[in-house]
Amino acid sequence: MIPPVSVAPGQPVPRDPAHRESLLRAKARELEGVFLAEMLRHVGMGKPPESFGGGAGEDQFASFLRDAQARAIVRKGGIGLAEHIFQALRTRADDTR
């Protein structure tokens, strides 16, 4: 499981390079997971079937399934988006120091 990383907006990025890199990589993976969950929703992943579906309960819990599937995709290497996000975050963090 990829735990959410807590950094408040506007909070400075840690100065320790190893901690900063770890934090930025975690945030990049978290954002990739959110993106993938949204893409899975748009392609209909977790959408209840037209007949013999689980009703309203199935529809309400489908988002949890999509989120879990998205996190699993990220854990297995994702689609490469996290690395691009990480590079952009690292460049921005380096520019603000």
N, C-alpha and C. Protein backbone atom coordinates (compact mmCIF):
# COMPACT_ATOMS: atom_id res chain seq x y z
N MET A 1 0.84 -1.18 0.00
CA MET A 1 0.00 0.00 0.00
C MET A 1 0.88 1.24 0.00
N ILE A 2 0.48 2.22 -0.76
CA ILE A 2 1.21 3.47 -0.82
C ILE A 2 0.52 4.44 0.12
N PRO A 3 1.15 4.72 1.27
CA PRO A 3 0.51 5.62 2.22
C PRO A 3 0.55 7.05 1.72
N PRO A 4 -0.48 7.83 2.02
CA PRO A 4 -0.46 9.23 1.63
C PRO A 4 0.64 9.97 2.39
N VAL A 5 1.26 10.91 1.74
CA VAL A 5 2.34 11.69 2.33
C VAL A 5 1.77 13.03 2.73
N SER A 6 2.09 13.45 3.93
CA SER A 6 1.50 14.67 4.45
C SER A 6 2.47 15.84 4.35
N VAL A 7 2.20 16.72 3.42
CA VAL A 7 2.92 17.99 3.31
C VAL A 7 1.86 19.03 2.97
N ALA A 8 1.71 19.99 3.83
CA ALA A 8 0.70 21.02 3.62
C ALA A 8 1.15 21.94 2.49
N PRO A 9 0.20 22.45 1.70
CA PRO A 9 0.55 23.40 0.66
C PRO A 9 1.27 24.60 1.26
N GLY A 10 2.33 24.99 0.60
CA GLY A 10 3.10 26.13 1.08
C GLY A 10 4.15 25.77 2.10
N GLN A 11 4.10 24.53 2.63
CA GLN A 11 5.09 24.08 3.59
C GLN A 11 6.40 23.84 2.83
N PRO A 12 7.54 24.29 3.38
CA PRO A 12 8.80 24.11 2.66
C PRO A 12 9.17 22.63 2.54
N VAL A 13 9.81 22.31 1.44
CA VAL A 13 10.29 20.96 1.21
C VAL A 13 11.52 20.75 2.09
N PRO A 14 11.67 19.58 2.72
CA PRO A 14 12.81 19.35 3.62
C PRO A 14 14.15 19.61 2.92
N ARG A 15 15.11 20.10 3.67
CA ARG A 15 16.44 20.40 3.11
C ARG A 15 17.29 19.14 2.93
N ASP A 16 17.09 18.15 3.78
CA ASP A 16 17.85 16.90 3.66
C ASP A 16 17.55 16.26 2.31
N PRO A 17 18.55 16.11 1.43
CA PRO A 17 18.29 15.61 0.07
C PRO A 17 17.61 14.25 0.03
N ALA A 18 18.02 13.33 0.89
CA ALA A 18 17.41 11.99 0.87
C ALA A 18 15.94 12.05 1.29
N HIS A 19 15.66 12.82 2.33
CA HIS A 19 14.27 12.95 2.81
C HIS A 19 13.43 13.67 1.77
N ARG A 20 13.99 14.72 1.18
CA ARG A 20 13.25 15.49 0.17
C ARG A 20 12.93 14.60 -1.03
N GLU A 21 13.91 13.83 -1.51
CA GLU A 21 13.67 12.97 -2.67
C GLU A 21 12.62 11.91 -2.36
N SER A 22 12.70 11.32 -1.18
CA SER A 22 11.73 10.31 -0.77
C SER A 22 10.32 10.90 -0.72
N LEU A 23 10.21 12.08 -0.16
CA LEU A 23 8.92 12.76 -0.05
C LEU A 23 8.36 13.10 -1.43
N LEU A 24 9.19 13.63 -2.30
CA LEU A 24 8.73 14.00 -3.64
C LEU A 24 8.34 12.77 -4.46
N ARG A 25 9.10 11.68 -4.32
CA ARG A 25 8.74 10.44 -5.04
C ARG A 25 7.40 9.89 -4.55
N ALA A 26 7.19 9.94 -3.25
CA ALA A 26 5.93 9.45 -2.69
C ALA A 26 4.76 10.29 -3.18
N LYS A 27 4.94 11.60 -3.21
CA LYS A 27 3.88 12.48 -3.71
C LYS A 27 3.60 12.22 -5.19
N ALA A 28 4.65 11.98 -5.97
CA ALA A 28 4.48 11.71 -7.39
C ALA A 28 3.71 10.41 -7.60
N ARG A 29 4.03 9.36 -6.82
CA ARG A 29 3.30 8.09 -6.93
C ARG A 29 1.84 8.27 -6.51
N GLU A 30 1.63 9.06 -5.47
CA GLU A 30 0.26 9.32 -5.00
C GLU A 30 -0.56 10.01 -6.10
N LEU A 31 0.04 10.98 -6.76
CA LEU A 31 -0.66 11.70 -7.83
C LEU A 31 -0.92 10.79 -9.02
N GLU A 32 0.04 9.92 -9.35
CA GLU A 32 -0.18 8.97 -10.44
C GLU A 32 -1.35 8.04 -10.10
N GLY A 33 -1.45 7.62 -8.85
CA GLY A 33 -2.56 6.77 -8.43
C GLY A 33 -3.91 7.45 -8.58
N VAL A 34 -3.97 8.72 -8.21
CA VAL A 34 -5.21 9.49 -8.35
C VAL A 34 -5.58 9.61 -9.83
N PHE A 35 -4.58 9.90 -10.66
CA PHE A 35 -4.81 10.00 -12.10
C PHE A 35 -5.33 8.68 -12.67
N LEU A 36 -4.69 7.58 -12.30
CA LEU A 36 -5.12 6.28 -12.81
C LEU A 36 -6.52 5.91 -12.35
N ALA A 37 -6.85 6.22 -11.11
CA ALA A 37 -8.20 5.94 -10.61
C ALA A 37 -9.24 6.70 -11.43
N GLU A 38 -8.93 7.93 -11.76
CA GLU A 38 -9.86 8.73 -12.57
C GLU A 38 -9.98 8.16 -13.98
N MET A 39 -8.86 7.73 -14.55
CA MET A 39 -8.91 7.13 -15.89
C MET A 39 -9.69 5.82 -15.88
N LEU A 40 -9.51 5.02 -14.83
CA LEU A 40 -10.28 3.78 -14.72
C LEU A 40 -11.78 4.07 -14.62
N ARG A 41 -12.13 5.15 -13.94
CA ARG A 41 -13.54 5.53 -13.83
C ARG A 41 -14.09 5.90 -15.20
N HIS A 42 -13.30 6.63 -15.98
CA HIS A 42 -13.78 7.07 -17.29
C HIS A 42 -13.94 5.93 -18.29
N VAL A 43 -13.17 4.86 -18.12
CA VAL A 43 -13.32 3.72 -19.03
C VAL A 43 -14.38 2.74 -18.54
N GLY A 44 -14.99 3.04 -17.40
CA GLY A 44 -16.09 2.21 -16.92
C GLY A 44 -15.70 1.10 -15.97
N MET A 45 -14.47 1.11 -15.47
CA MET A 45 -14.03 0.08 -14.52
C MET A 45 -14.84 0.19 -13.25
N GLY A 46 -15.39 -0.90 -12.81
CA GLY A 46 -16.19 -0.93 -11.58
C GLY A 46 -17.64 -0.55 -11.79
N LYS A 47 -18.01 -0.27 -13.03
CA LYS A 47 -19.40 0.07 -13.31
C LYS A 47 -20.26 -1.19 -13.18
N PRO A 48 -21.34 -1.12 -12.42
CA PRO A 48 -22.18 -2.31 -12.25
C PRO A 48 -22.81 -2.74 -13.58
N PRO A 49 -22.95 -4.04 -13.79
CA PRO A 49 -23.59 -4.51 -15.02
C PRO A 49 -25.06 -4.08 -15.07
N GLU A 50 -25.58 -4.01 -16.28
CA GLU A 50 -26.97 -3.58 -16.47
C GLU A 50 -27.96 -4.54 -15.81
N SER A 51 -27.69 -5.82 -15.90
CA SER A 51 -28.61 -6.79 -15.29
C SER A 51 -27.88 -7.57 -14.19
N PHE A 52 -28.60 -7.92 -13.18
CA PHE A 52 -28.08 -8.68 -12.05
C PHE A 52 -26.93 -7.96 -11.34
N GLY A 53 -27.00 -6.67 -11.30
CA GLY A 53 -25.98 -5.88 -10.60
C GLY A 53 -26.24 -5.88 -9.10
N GLY A 54 -25.32 -5.31 -8.36
CA GLY A 54 -25.42 -5.28 -6.92
C GLY A 54 -26.21 -4.10 -6.39
N GLY A 55 -26.82 -3.33 -7.26
CA GLY A 55 -27.64 -2.22 -6.83
C GLY A 55 -26.83 -1.00 -6.42
N ALA A 56 -27.46 -0.18 -5.60
CA ALA A 56 -26.84 1.09 -5.19
C ALA A 56 -25.57 0.86 -4.39
N GLY A 57 -25.54 -0.17 -3.59
CA GLY A 57 -24.35 -0.45 -2.78
C GLY A 57 -23.12 -0.74 -3.63
N GLU A 58 -23.33 -1.51 -4.68
CA GLU A 58 -22.21 -1.83 -5.57
C GLU A 58 -21.69 -0.57 -6.24
N ASP A 59 -22.59 0.27 -6.67
CA ASP A 59 -22.21 1.51 -7.34
C ASP A 59 -21.42 2.42 -6.39
N GLN A 60 -21.85 2.49 -5.14
CA GLN A 60 -21.19 3.36 -4.17
C GLN A 60 -19.79 2.88 -3.82
N PHE A 61 -19.58 1.58 -3.77
CA PHE A 61 -18.27 1.05 -3.38
C PHE A 61 -17.33 0.83 -4.55
N ALA A 62 -17.80 1.06 -5.77
CA ALA A 62 -16.95 0.87 -6.95
C ALA A 62 -15.73 1.79 -6.91
N SER A 63 -15.87 2.98 -6.34
CA SER A 63 -14.74 3.91 -6.28
C SER A 63 -13.62 3.35 -5.41
N PHE A 64 -13.97 2.63 -4.36
CA PHE A 64 -12.94 2.02 -3.50
C PHE A 64 -12.14 0.98 -4.28
N LEU A 65 -12.84 0.20 -5.09
CA LEU A 65 -12.19 -0.81 -5.91
C LEU A 65 -11.26 -0.15 -6.93
N ARG A 66 -11.74 0.90 -7.59
CA ARG A 66 -10.90 1.61 -8.57
C ARG A 66 -9.65 2.18 -7.91
N ASP A 67 -9.81 2.78 -6.72
CA ASP A 67 -8.66 3.34 -6.01
C ASP A 67 -7.64 2.26 -5.67
N ALA A 68 -8.12 1.12 -5.20
CA ALA A 68 -7.23 0.01 -4.85
C ALA A 68 -6.52 -0.52 -6.10
N GLN A 69 -7.25 -0.61 -7.21
CA GLN A 69 -6.64 -1.09 -8.44
C GLN A 69 -5.60 -0.09 -8.94
N ALA A 70 -5.88 1.18 -8.84
CA ALA A 70 -4.94 2.21 -9.27
C ALA A 70 -3.67 2.16 -8.42
N ARG A 71 -3.82 2.01 -7.10
CA ARG A 71 -2.64 1.92 -6.22
C ARG A 71 -1.83 0.67 -6.55
N ALA A 72 -2.50 -0.43 -6.89
CA ALA A 72 -1.79 -1.66 -7.25
C ALA A 72 -1.00 -1.46 -8.55
N ILE A 73 -1.56 -0.75 -9.49
CA ILE A 73 -0.86 -0.46 -10.75
C ILE A 73 0.39 0.37 -10.45
N VAL A 74 0.27 1.36 -9.59
CA VAL A 74 1.42 2.20 -9.23
C VAL A 74 2.48 1.37 -8.53
N ARG A 75 2.08 0.50 -7.61
CA ARG A 75 3.05 -0.36 -6.90
C ARG A 75 3.83 -1.24 -7.87
N LYS A 76 3.18 -1.66 -8.94
CA LYS A 76 3.83 -2.53 -9.94
C LYS A 76 4.64 -1.75 -10.96
N GLY A 77 4.77 -0.46 -10.80
CA GLY A 77 5.58 0.34 -11.72
C GLY A 77 4.80 1.43 -12.44
N GLY A 78 3.50 1.35 -12.39
CA GLY A 78 2.67 2.40 -12.97
C GLY A 78 2.82 2.51 -14.48
N ILE A 79 2.55 3.70 -14.98
CA ILE A 79 2.62 3.96 -16.41
C ILE A 79 3.75 4.93 -16.75
N GLY A 80 4.58 5.23 -15.76
CA GLY A 80 5.70 6.14 -15.98
C GLY A 80 5.40 7.59 -15.66
N LEU A 81 4.18 7.87 -15.33
CA LEU A 81 3.80 9.25 -15.03
C LEU A 81 4.46 9.76 -13.75
N ALA A 82 4.59 8.91 -12.76
CA ALA A 82 5.16 9.32 -11.48
C ALA A 82 6.58 9.84 -11.64
N GLU A 83 7.36 9.23 -12.52
CA GLU A 83 8.75 9.69 -12.73
C GLU A 83 8.77 11.09 -13.33
N HIS A 84 7.89 11.36 -14.27
CA HIS A 84 7.81 12.70 -14.86
C HIS A 84 7.37 13.73 -13.82
N ILE A 85 6.39 13.35 -13.02
CA ILE A 85 5.92 14.24 -11.96
C ILE A 85 7.04 14.49 -10.96
N PHE A 86 7.77 13.43 -10.59
CA PHE A 86 8.88 13.57 -9.65
C PHE A 86 9.92 14.54 -10.19
N GLN A 87 10.30 14.39 -11.45
CA GLN A 87 11.31 15.27 -12.03
C GLN A 87 10.85 16.73 -12.00
N ALA A 88 9.57 16.96 -12.30
CA ALA A 88 9.04 18.33 -12.26
C ALA A 88 9.03 18.87 -10.84
N LEU A 89 8.62 18.04 -9.88
CA LEU A 89 8.61 18.48 -8.48
C LEU A 89 10.01 18.77 -7.98
N ARG A 90 10.96 17.92 -8.36
CA ARG A 90 12.35 18.11 -7.91
C ARG A 90 12.92 19.39 -8.50
N THR A 91 12.66 19.65 -9.77
CA THR A 91 13.14 20.88 -10.39
C THR A 91 12.54 22.09 -9.69
N ARG A 92 11.27 22.03 -9.42
CA ARG A 92 10.60 23.16 -8.76
C ARG A 92 11.14 23.35 -7.34
N ALA A 93 11.35 22.24 -6.61
CA ALA A 93 11.88 22.33 -5.24
C ALA A 93 13.30 22.90 -5.26
N ASP A 94 14.11 22.50 -6.24
CA ASP A 94 15.47 23.02 -6.35
C ASP A 94 15.48 24.51 -6.68
N ASP A 95 14.50 24.95 -7.47
CA ASP A 95 14.42 26.37 -7.85
C ASP A 95 14.03 27.25 -6.66
N THR A 96 13.29 26.68 -5.69
CA THR A 96 12.82 27.49 -4.57
C THR A 96 13.81 27.54 -3.43
N ARG A 97 14.91 26.78 -3.53
CA ARG A 97 15.89 26.79 -2.44
C ARG A 97 16.85 27.93 -2.57
